[in-house]
């Protein structure tokens, strides 16, 4: 094997490791979100906005409960979509 081939293989391995790490991170985040007890929106320039937690009085409001459930669902759906994209990218390597 020549130097150029080794460099090529090294670059592919490095990209593959980064993809695998990202997939693992997203999988962990999905599990964390599934166990969530509420949602907090955080921003750098404005104060945090707290929607509520499952045991809060606020969450008994149907609108808030649906909002939290939908936010969790959207996050999971998007994370799974990204995982599928990353897996396809990894397969191409």
PDB file of N, CA and C in Angstrom:
ATOM      1  N   UNK A   1       0.846  -1.174   0.000  1.00  0.00           N
ATOM      2  CA  UNK A   1       0.000   0.000   0.000  1.00  0.00           C
ATOM      3  C   UNK A   1       0.892   1.237   0.000  1.00  0.00           C
ATOM      4  N   UNK A   2       0.539   2.170  -0.846  1.00  0.00           N
ATOM      5  CA  UNK A   2       1.338   3.391  -0.888  1.00  0.00           C
ATOM      6  C   UNK A   2       0.776   4.443   0.073  1.00  0.00           C
ATOM      7  N   UNK A   3       1.496   5.506   0.216  1.00  0.00           N
ATOM      8  CA  UNK A   3       1.155   6.588   1.149  1.00  0.00           C
ATOM      9  C   UNK A   3      -0.210   7.214   0.820  1.00  0.00           C
ATOM     10  N   UNK A   4      -0.470   7.433  -0.460  1.00  0.00           N
ATOM     11  CA  UNK A   4      -1.718   8.068  -0.882  1.00  0.00           C
ATOM     12  C   UNK A   4      -2.933   7.201  -0.513  1.00  0.00           C
ATOM     13  N   UNK A   5      -2.796   5.907  -0.692  1.00  0.00           N
ATOM     14  CA  UNK A   5      -3.871   4.975  -0.329  1.00  0.00           C
ATOM     15  C   UNK A   5      -4.107   5.002   1.174  1.00  0.00           C
ATOM     16  N   UNK A   6      -3.051   5.015   1.947  1.00  0.00           N
ATOM     17  CA  UNK A   6      -3.180   5.075   3.402  1.00  0.00           C
ATOM     18  C   UNK A   6      -3.866   6.366   3.850  1.00  0.00           C
ATOM     19  N   UNK A   7      -3.488   7.487   3.235  1.00  0.00           N
ATOM     20  CA  UNK A   7      -4.120   8.759   3.576  1.00  0.00           C
ATOM     21  C   UNK A   7      -5.610   8.742   3.232  1.00  0.00           C
ATOM     22  N   UNK A   8      -5.940   8.156   2.101  1.00  0.00           N
ATOM     23  CA  UNK A   8      -7.337   8.046   1.681  1.00  0.00           C
ATOM     24  C   UNK A   8      -8.124   7.192   2.679  1.00  0.00           C
ATOM     25  N   UNK A   9      -7.574   6.055   3.048  1.00  0.00           N
ATOM     26  CA  UNK A   9      -8.242   5.173   4.010  1.00  0.00           C
ATOM     27  C   UNK A   9      -8.378   5.841   5.376  1.00  0.00           C
ATOM     28  N   UNK A  10      -7.347   6.565   5.765  1.00  0.00           N
ATOM     29  CA  UNK A  10      -7.378   7.268   7.051  1.00  0.00           C
ATOM     30  C   UNK A  10      -8.486   8.322   7.056  1.00  0.00           C
ATOM     31  N   UNK A  11      -8.612   9.059   5.958  1.00  0.00           N
ATOM     32  CA  UNK A  11      -9.655  10.086   5.870  1.00  0.00           C
ATOM     33  C   UNK A  11     -11.043   9.465   5.916  1.00  0.00           C
ATOM     34  N   UNK A  12     -11.230   8.367   5.214  1.00  0.00           N
ATOM     35  CA  UNK A  12     -12.536   7.676   5.242  1.00  0.00           C
ATOM     36  C   UNK A  12     -12.848   7.161   6.641  1.00  0.00           C
ATOM     37  N   UNK A  13     -11.857   6.611   7.323  1.00  0.00           N
ATOM     38  CA  UNK A  13     -12.062   6.100   8.683  1.00  0.00           C
ATOM     39  C   UNK A  13     -12.418   7.246   9.632  1.00  0.00           C
ATOM     40  N   UNK A  14     -11.753   8.383   9.459  1.00  0.00           N
ATOM     41  CA  UNK A  14     -12.034   9.548  10.298  1.00  0.00           C
ATOM     42  C   UNK A  14     -13.473  10.037  10.084  1.00  0.00           C
ATOM     43  N   UNK A  15     -13.907  10.104   8.829  1.00  0.00           N
ATOM     44  CA  UNK A  15     -15.283  10.505   8.520  1.00  0.00           C
ATOM     45  C   UNK A  15     -16.276   9.504   9.093  1.00  0.00           C
ATOM     46  N   UNK A  16     -15.957   8.224   8.961  1.00  0.00           N
ATOM     47  CA  UNK A  16     -16.846   7.177   9.480  1.00  0.00           C
ATOM     48  C   UNK A  16     -16.982   7.274  10.994  1.00  0.00           C
ATOM     49  N   UNK A  17     -15.879   7.511  11.688  1.00  0.00           N
ATOM     50  CA  UNK A  17     -15.942   7.665  13.150  1.00  0.00           C
ATOM     51  C   UNK A  17     -16.807   8.852  13.539  1.00  0.00           C
ATOM     52  N   UNK A  18     -16.675   9.958  12.824  1.00  0.00           N
ATOM     53  CA  UNK A  18     -17.477  11.146  13.118  1.00  0.00           C
ATOM     54  C   UNK A  18     -18.958  10.859  12.907  1.00  0.00           C
ATOM     55  N   UNK A  19     -19.279  10.142  11.860  1.00  0.00           N
ATOM     56  CA  UNK A  19     -20.676   9.801  11.577  1.00  0.00           C
ATOM     57  C   UNK A  19     -21.222   8.883  12.670  1.00  0.00           C
ATOM     58  N   UNK A  20     -20.456   7.869  13.036  1.00  0.00           N
ATOM     59  CA  UNK A  20     -20.891   6.931  14.086  1.00  0.00           C
ATOM     60  C   UNK A  20     -21.081   7.674  15.406  1.00  0.00           C
ATOM     61  N   UNK A  21     -20.187   8.588  15.741  1.00  0.00           N
ATOM     62  CA  UNK A  21     -20.325   9.376  16.970  1.00  0.00           C
ATOM     63  C   UNK A  21     -21.594  10.215  16.946  1.00  0.00           C
ATOM     64  N   UNK A  22     -21.889  10.819  15.806  1.00  0.00           N
ATOM     65  CA  UNK A  22     -23.104  11.639  15.681  1.00  0.00           C
ATOM     66  C   UNK A  22     -24.358  10.773  15.825  1.00  0.00           C
ATOM     67  N   UNK A  23     -24.348   9.594  15.220  1.00  0.00           N
ATOM     68  CA  UNK A  23     -25.493   8.675  15.345  1.00  0.00           C
ATOM     69  C   UNK A  23     -25.681   8.282  16.807  1.00  0.00           C
ATOM     70  N   UNK A  24     -24.590   7.956  17.490  1.00  0.00           N
ATOM     71  CA  UNK A  24     -24.682   7.585  18.912  1.00  0.00           C
ATOM     72  C   UNK A  24     -25.233   8.749  19.734  1.00  0.00           C
ATOM     73  N   UNK A  25     -24.759   9.962  19.456  1.00  0.00           N
ATOM     74  CA  UNK A  25     -25.237  11.141  20.176  1.00  0.00           C
ATOM     75  C   UNK A  25     -26.741  11.342  19.959  1.00  0.00           C
ATOM     76  N   UNK A  26     -27.191  11.244  18.728  1.00  0.00           N
ATOM     77  CA  UNK A  26     -28.618  11.417  18.435  1.00  0.00           C
ATOM     78  C   UNK A  26     -29.460  10.333  19.107  1.00  0.00           C
ATOM     79  N   UNK A  27     -28.957   9.114  19.121  1.00  0.00           N
ATOM     80  CA  UNK A  27     -29.681   8.014  19.771  1.00  0.00           C
ATOM     81  C   UNK A  27     -29.831   8.278  21.266  1.00  0.00           C
ATOM     82  N   UNK A  28     -28.777   8.756  21.890  1.00  0.00           N
ATOM     83  CA  UNK A  28     -28.829   9.096  23.319  1.00  0.00           C
ATOM     84  C   UNK A  28     -29.818  10.239  23.551  1.00  0.00           C
ATOM     85  N   UNK A  29     -29.784  11.244  22.692  1.00  0.00           N
ATOM     86  CA  UNK A  29     -30.702  12.377  22.831  1.00  0.00           C
ATOM     87  C   UNK A  29     -32.161  11.938  22.675  1.00  0.00           C
ATOM     88  N   UNK A  30     -32.429  11.017  21.754  1.00  0.00           N
ATOM     89  CA  UNK A  30     -33.789  10.503  21.585  1.00  0.00           C
ATOM     90  C   UNK A  30     -34.249   9.837  22.875  1.00  0.00           C
ATOM     91  N   UNK A  31     -33.403   9.013  23.465  1.00  0.00           N
ATOM     92  CA  UNK A  31     -33.768   8.341  24.722  1.00  0.00           C
ATOM     93  C   UNK A  31     -33.999   9.353  25.839  1.00  0.00           C
ATOM     94  N   UNK A  32     -33.178  10.396  25.895  1.00  0.00           N
ATOM     95  CA  UNK A  32     -33.360  11.434  26.920  1.00  0.00           C
ATOM     96  C   UNK A  32     -34.687  12.153  26.725  1.00  0.00           C
ATOM     97  N   UNK A  33     -35.015  12.464  25.487  1.00  0.00           N
ATOM     98  CA  UNK A  33     -36.257  13.188  25.207  1.00  0.00           C
ATOM     99  C   UNK A  33     -37.468  12.311  25.515  1.00  0.00           C
ATOM    100  N   UNK A  34     -37.368  11.016  25.266  1.00  0.00           N
ATOM    101  CA  UNK A  34     -38.479  10.105  25.583  1.00  0.00           C
ATOM    102  C   UNK A  34     -38.782  10.106  27.077  1.00  0.00           C
ATOM    103  N   UNK A  35     -37.762  10.335  27.893  1.00  0.00           N
ATOM    104  CA  UNK A  35     -37.941  10.357  29.352  1.00  0.00           C
ATOM    105  C   UNK A  35     -38.209  11.765  29.877  1.00  0.00           C
ATOM    106  N   UNK A  36     -38.430  12.701  28.983  1.00  0.00           N
ATOM    107  CA  UNK A  36     -38.565  14.095  29.393  1.00  0.00           C
ATOM    108  C   UNK A  36     -39.767  14.293  30.313  1.00  0.00           C
ATOM    109  N   UNK A  37     -39.658  15.286  31.118  1.00  0.00           N
ATOM    110  CA  UNK A  37     -40.765  15.625  32.005  1.00  0.00           C
ATOM    111  C   UNK A  37     -41.263  17.038  31.739  1.00  0.00           C
ATOM    112  N   UNK A  38     -40.777  17.652  30.708  1.00  0.00           N
ATOM    113  CA  UNK A  38     -41.224  18.993  30.372  1.00  0.00           C
ATOM    114  C   UNK A  38     -40.327  19.596  29.318  1.00  0.00           C
ATOM    115  N   UNK A  39     -40.605  20.815  28.965  1.00  0.00           N
ATOM    116  CA  UNK A  39     -39.860  21.501  27.917  1.00  0.00           C
ATOM    117  C   UNK A  39     -39.471  22.885  28.424  1.00  0.00           C
ATOM    118  N   UNK A  40     -38.252  23.270  28.160  1.00  0.00           N
ATOM    119  CA  UNK A  40     -37.816  24.636  28.416  1.00  0.00           C
ATOM    120  C   UNK A  40     -37.160  25.158  27.154  1.00  0.00           C
ATOM    121  N   UNK A  41     -37.568  26.339  26.737  1.00  0.00           N
ATOM    122  CA  UNK A  41     -36.942  26.981  25.596  1.00  0.00           C
ATOM    123  C   UNK A  41     -35.844  27.888  26.125  1.00  0.00           C
ATOM    124  N   UNK A  42     -34.663  27.751  25.603  1.00  0.00           N
ATOM    125  CA  UNK A  42     -33.546  28.563  26.052  1.00  0.00           C
ATOM    126  C   UNK A  42     -33.021  29.390  24.883  1.00  0.00           C
ATOM    127  N   UNK A  43     -32.722  30.624  25.153  1.00  0.00           N
ATOM    128  CA  UNK A  43     -32.133  31.494  24.131  1.00  0.00           C
ATOM    129  C   UNK A  43     -31.073  32.340  24.800  1.00  0.00           C
ATOM    130  N   UNK A  44     -30.150  32.820  24.005  1.00  0.00           N
ATOM    131  CA  UNK A  44     -29.061  33.611  24.571  1.00  0.00           C
ATOM    132  C   UNK A  44     -29.485  35.034  24.917  1.00  0.00           C
ATOM    133  N   UNK A  45     -30.375  35.613  24.133  1.00  0.00           N
ATOM    134  CA  UNK A  45     -30.691  37.029  24.314  1.00  0.00           C
ATOM    135  C   UNK A  45     -31.996  37.313  25.051  1.00  0.00           C
ATOM    136  N   UNK A  46     -32.772  36.281  25.282  1.00  0.00           N
ATOM    137  CA  UNK A  46     -34.032  36.471  25.999  1.00  0.00           C
ATOM    138  C   UNK A  46     -34.084  35.484  27.161  1.00  0.00           C
ATOM    139  N   UNK A  47     -34.876  35.778  28.158  1.00  0.00           N
ATOM    140  CA  UNK A  47     -34.982  34.842  29.281  1.00  0.00           C
ATOM    141  C   UNK A  47     -35.571  33.504  28.836  1.00  0.00           C
ATOM    142  N   UNK A  48     -35.291  32.470  29.593  1.00  0.00           N
ATOM    143  CA  UNK A  48     -35.867  31.158  29.306  1.00  0.00           C
ATOM    144  C   UNK A  48     -37.379  31.225  29.429  1.00  0.00           C
ATOM    145  N   UNK A  49     -38.053  30.456  28.596  1.00  0.00           N
ATOM    146  CA  UNK A  49     -39.510  30.353  28.650  1.00  0.00           C
ATOM    147  C   UNK A  49     -39.831  28.935  29.068  1.00  0.00           C
ATOM    148  N   UNK A  50     -40.489  28.788  30.171  1.00  0.00           N
ATOM    149  CA  UNK A  50     -40.793  27.456  30.705  1.00  0.00           C
ATOM    150  C   UNK A  50     -42.217  27.092  30.334  1.00  0.00           C
ATOM    151  N   UNK A  51     -42.382  26.020  29.597  1.00  0.00           N
ATOM    152  CA  UNK A  51     -43.708  25.579  29.188  1.00  0.00           C
ATOM    153  C   UNK A  51     -44.371  24.790  30.298  1.00  0.00           C
ATOM    154  N   UNK A  52     -43.637  23.949  30.945  1.00  0.00           N
ATOM    155  CA  UNK A  52     -44.207  23.173  32.039  1.00  0.00           C
ATOM    156  C   UNK A  52     -43.603  21.795  32.114  1.00  0.00           C
ATOM    157  N   UNK A  53     -43.826  21.150  33.233  1.00  0.00           N
ATOM    158  CA  UNK A  53     -43.383  19.774  33.398  1.00  0.00           C
ATOM    159  C   UNK A  53     -44.615  18.911  33.588  1.00  0.00           C
ATOM    160  N   UNK A  54     -44.426  17.606  33.434  1.00  0.00           N
ATOM    161  CA  UNK A  54     -45.584  16.705  33.488  1.00  0.00           C
ATOM    162  C   UNK A  54     -46.336  16.795  34.815  1.00  0.00           C
ATOM    163  N   UNK A  55     -45.666  17.111  35.897  1.00  0.00           N
ATOM    164  CA  UNK A  55     -46.341  17.171  37.184  1.00  0.00           C
ATOM    165  C   UNK A  55     -46.777  18.586  37.558  1.00  0.00           C
ATOM    166  N   UNK A  56     -46.512  19.561  36.704  1.00  0.00           N
ATOM    167  CA  UNK A  56     -46.951  20.932  36.956  1.00  0.00           C
ATOM    168  C   UNK A  56     -48.462  21.057  36.833  1.00  0.00           C
ATOM    169  N   UNK A  57     -48.975  22.045  37.490  1.00  0.00           N
ATOM    170  CA  UNK A  57     -50.386  22.367  37.346  1.00  0.00           C
ATOM    171  C   UNK A  57     -50.668  22.784  35.899  1.00  0.00           C
ATOM    172  N   UNK A  58     -49.708  23.467  35.271  1.00  0.00           N
ATOM    173  CA  UNK A  58     -49.871  23.952  33.898  1.00  0.00           C
ATOM    174  C   UNK A  58     -50.110  22.822  32.906  1.00  0.00           C
ATOM    175  N   UNK A  59     -49.450  21.701  33.103  1.00  0.00           N
ATOM    176  CA  UNK A  59     -49.507  20.626  32.124  1.00  0.00           C
ATOM    177  C   UNK A  59     -50.890  20.006  32.060  1.00  0.00           C
ATOM    178  N   UNK A  60     -51.697  20.247  33.068  1.00  0.00           N
ATOM    179  CA  UNK A  60     -53.064  19.735  33.055  1.00  0.00           C
ATOM    180  C   UNK A  60     -53.897  20.436  31.994  1.00  0.00           C
ATOM    181  N   UNK A  61     -53.417  21.568  31.549  1.00  0.00           N
ATOM    182  CA  UNK A  61     -54.047  22.270  30.447  1.00  0.00           C
ATOM    183  C   UNK A  61     -53.827  21.431  29.187  1.00  0.00           C
ATOM    184  N   UNK A  62     -54.894  21.080  28.488  1.00  0.00           N
ATOM    185  CA  UNK A  62     -54.803  20.217  27.316  1.00  0.00           C
ATOM    186  C   UNK A  62     -53.887  20.801  26.237  1.00  0.00           C
ATOM    187  N   UNK A  63     -53.962  22.104  26.023  1.00  0.00           N
ATOM    188  CA  UNK A  63     -53.128  22.752  25.016  1.00  0.00           C
ATOM    189  C   UNK A  63     -51.653  22.562  25.333  1.00  0.00           C
ATOM    190  N   UNK A  64     -51.274  22.803  26.569  1.00  0.00           N
ATOM    191  CA  UNK A  64     -49.878  22.674  26.963  1.00  0.00           C
ATOM    192  C   UNK A  64     -49.413  21.226  26.853  1.00  0.00           C
ATOM    193  N   UNK A  65     -50.261  20.303  27.265  1.00  0.00           N
ATOM    194  CA  UNK A  65     -49.897  18.886  27.171  1.00  0.00           C
ATOM    195  C   UNK A  65     -49.668  18.487  25.720  1.00  0.00           C
ATOM    196  N   UNK A  66     -50.540  18.932  24.829  1.00  0.00           N
ATOM    197  CA  UNK A  66     -50.381  18.613  23.407  1.00  0.00           C
ATOM    198  C   UNK A  66     -49.143  19.285  22.830  1.00  0.00           C
ATOM    199  N   UNK A  67     -48.882  20.517  23.260  1.00  0.00           N
ATOM    200  CA  UNK A  67     -47.697  21.238  22.785  1.00  0.00           C
ATOM    201  C   UNK A  67     -46.428  20.475  23.147  1.00  0.00           C
ATOM    202  N   UNK A  68     -46.314  20.079  24.398  1.00  0.00           N
ATOM    203  CA  UNK A  68     -45.124  19.357  24.850  1.00  0.00           C
ATOM    204  C   UNK A  68     -45.003  18.029  24.107  1.00  0.00           C
ATOM    205  N   UNK A  69     -46.106  17.296  23.988  1.00  0.00           N
ATOM    206  CA  UNK A  69     -46.070  16.000  23.307  1.00  0.00           C
ATOM    207  C   UNK A  69     -45.669  16.156  21.844  1.00  0.00           C
ATOM    208  N   UNK A  70     -46.181  17.173  21.180  1.00  0.00           N
ATOM    209  CA  UNK A  70     -45.838  17.391  19.770  1.00  0.00           C
ATOM    210  C   UNK A  70     -44.391  17.824  19.586  1.00  0.00           C
ATOM    211  N   UNK A  71     -43.884  18.650  20.487  1.00  0.00           N
ATOM    212  CA  UNK A  71     -42.481  19.049  20.406  1.00  0.00           C
ATOM    213  C   UNK A  71     -41.559  17.844  20.570  1.00  0.00           C
ATOM    214  N   UNK A  72     -41.894  16.983  21.494  1.00  0.00           N
ATOM    215  CA  UNK A  72     -41.101  15.773  21.711  1.00  0.00           C
ATOM    216  C   UNK A  72     -41.159  14.894  20.463  1.00  0.00           C
ATOM    217  N   UNK A  73     -42.355  14.715  19.913  1.00  0.00           N
ATOM    218  CA  UNK A  73     -42.534  13.883  18.718  1.00  0.00           C
ATOM    219  C   UNK A  73     -41.755  14.440  17.527  1.00  0.00           C
ATOM    220  N   UNK A  74     -41.831  15.746  17.317  1.00  0.00           N
ATOM    221  CA  UNK A  74     -41.116  16.363  16.200  1.00  0.00           C
ATOM    222  C   UNK A  74     -39.611  16.178  16.360  1.00  0.00           C
ATOM    223  N   UNK A  75     -39.105  16.376  17.561  1.00  0.00           N
ATOM    224  CA  UNK A  75     -37.673  16.184  17.792  1.00  0.00           C
ATOM    225  C   UNK A  75     -37.258  14.755  17.456  1.00  0.00           C
ATOM    226  N   UNK A  76     -38.022  13.791  17.944  1.00  0.00           N
ATOM    227  CA  UNK A  76     -37.692  12.383  17.697  1.00  0.00           C
ATOM    228  C   UNK A  76     -37.748  12.071  16.210  1.00  0.00           C
ATOM    229  N   UNK A  77     -38.789  12.540  15.526  1.00  0.00           N
ATOM    230  CA  UNK A  77     -38.913  12.294  14.086  1.00  0.00           C
ATOM    231  C   UNK A  77     -37.734  12.873  13.310  1.00  0.00           C
ATOM    232  N   UNK A  78     -37.353  14.108  13.634  1.00  0.00           N
ATOM    233  CA  UNK A  78     -36.233  14.744  12.935  1.00  0.00           C
ATOM    234  C   UNK A  78     -34.904  14.057  13.251  1.00  0.00           C
ATOM    235  N   UNK A  79     -34.734  13.650  14.492  1.00  0.00           N
ATOM    236  CA  UNK A  79     -33.500  12.957  14.874  1.00  0.00           C
ATOM    237  C   UNK A  79     -33.403  11.614  14.150  1.00  0.00           C
ATOM    238  N   UNK A  80     -34.502  10.886  14.049  1.00  0.00           N
ATOM    239  CA  UNK A  80     -34.496   9.609  13.330  1.00  0.00           C
ATOM    240  C   UNK A  80     -34.218   9.808  11.844  1.00  0.00           C
ATOM    241  N   UNK A  81     -34.767  10.868  11.289  1.00  0.00           N
ATOM    242  CA  UNK A  81     -34.512  11.187   9.880  1.00  0.00           C
ATOM    243  C   UNK A  81     -33.011  11.467   9.668  1.00  0.00           C
ATOM    244  N   UNK A  82     -32.421  12.216  10.577  1.00  0.00           N
ATOM    245  CA  UNK A  82     -30.996  12.519  10.482  1.00  0.00           C
ATOM    246  C   UNK A  82     -30.161  11.252  10.654  1.00  0.00           C
ATOM    247  N   UNK A  83     -30.573  10.366  11.546  1.00  0.00           N
ATOM    248  CA  UNK A  83     -29.855   9.101  11.732  1.00  0.00           C
ATOM    249  C   UNK A  83     -29.891   8.289  10.442  1.00  0.00           C
ATOM    250  N   UNK A  84     -31.053   8.218   9.800  1.00  0.00           N
ATOM    251  CA  UNK A  84     -31.153   7.478   8.528  1.00  0.00           C
ATOM    252  C   UNK A  84     -30.243   8.094   7.462  1.00  0.00           C
ATOM    253  N   UNK A  85     -30.187   9.426   7.413  1.00  0.00           N
ATOM    254  CA  UNK A  85     -29.320  10.098   6.450  1.00  0.00           C
ATOM    255  C   UNK A  85     -27.855   9.781   6.732  1.00  0.00           C
ATOM    256  N   UNK A  86     -27.486   9.822   8.011  1.00  0.00           N
ATOM    257  CA  UNK A  86     -26.106   9.530   8.386  1.00  0.00           C
ATOM    258  C   UNK A  86     -25.745   8.078   8.091  1.00  0.00           C
ATOM    259  N   UNK A  87     -26.684   7.164   8.322  1.00  0.00           N
ATOM    260  CA  UNK A  87     -26.430   5.750   8.023  1.00  0.00           C
ATOM    261  C   UNK A  87     -26.218   5.547   6.524  1.00  0.00           C
ATOM    262  N   UNK A  88     -26.986   6.259   5.711  1.00  0.00           N
ATOM    263  CA  UNK A  88     -26.799   6.165   4.253  1.00  0.00           C
ATOM    264  C   UNK A  88     -25.429   6.726   3.858  1.00  0.00           C
ATOM    265  N   UNK A  89     -25.044   7.839   4.473  1.00  0.00           N
ATOM    266  CA  UNK A  89     -23.736   8.418   4.203  1.00  0.00           C
ATOM    267  C   UNK A  89     -22.616   7.466   4.607  1.00  0.00           C
ATOM    268  N   UNK A  90     -22.811   6.809   5.747  1.00  0.00           N
ATOM    269  CA  UNK A  90     -21.819   5.850   6.222  1.00  0.00           C
ATOM    270  C   UNK A  90     -21.712   4.661   5.274  1.00  0.00           C
ATOM    271  N   UNK A  91     -22.848   4.213   4.762  1.00  0.00           N
ATOM    272  CA  UNK A  91     -22.847   3.078   3.825  1.00  0.00           C
ATOM    273  C   UNK A  91     -22.107   3.434   2.540  1.00  0.00           C
ATOM    274  N   UNK A  92     -22.169   4.696   2.133  1.00  0.00           N
ATOM    275  CA  UNK A  92     -21.462   5.132   0.922  1.00  0.00           C
ATOM    276  C   UNK A  92     -19.949   5.131   1.104  1.00  0.00           C
ATOM    277  N   UNK A  93     -19.518   5.326   2.337  1.00  0.00           N
ATOM    278  CA  UNK A  93     -18.078   5.305   2.604  1.00  0.00           C
ATOM    279  C   UNK A  93     -17.544   3.909   2.404  1.00  0.00           C
TER     280      UNK A  93
END
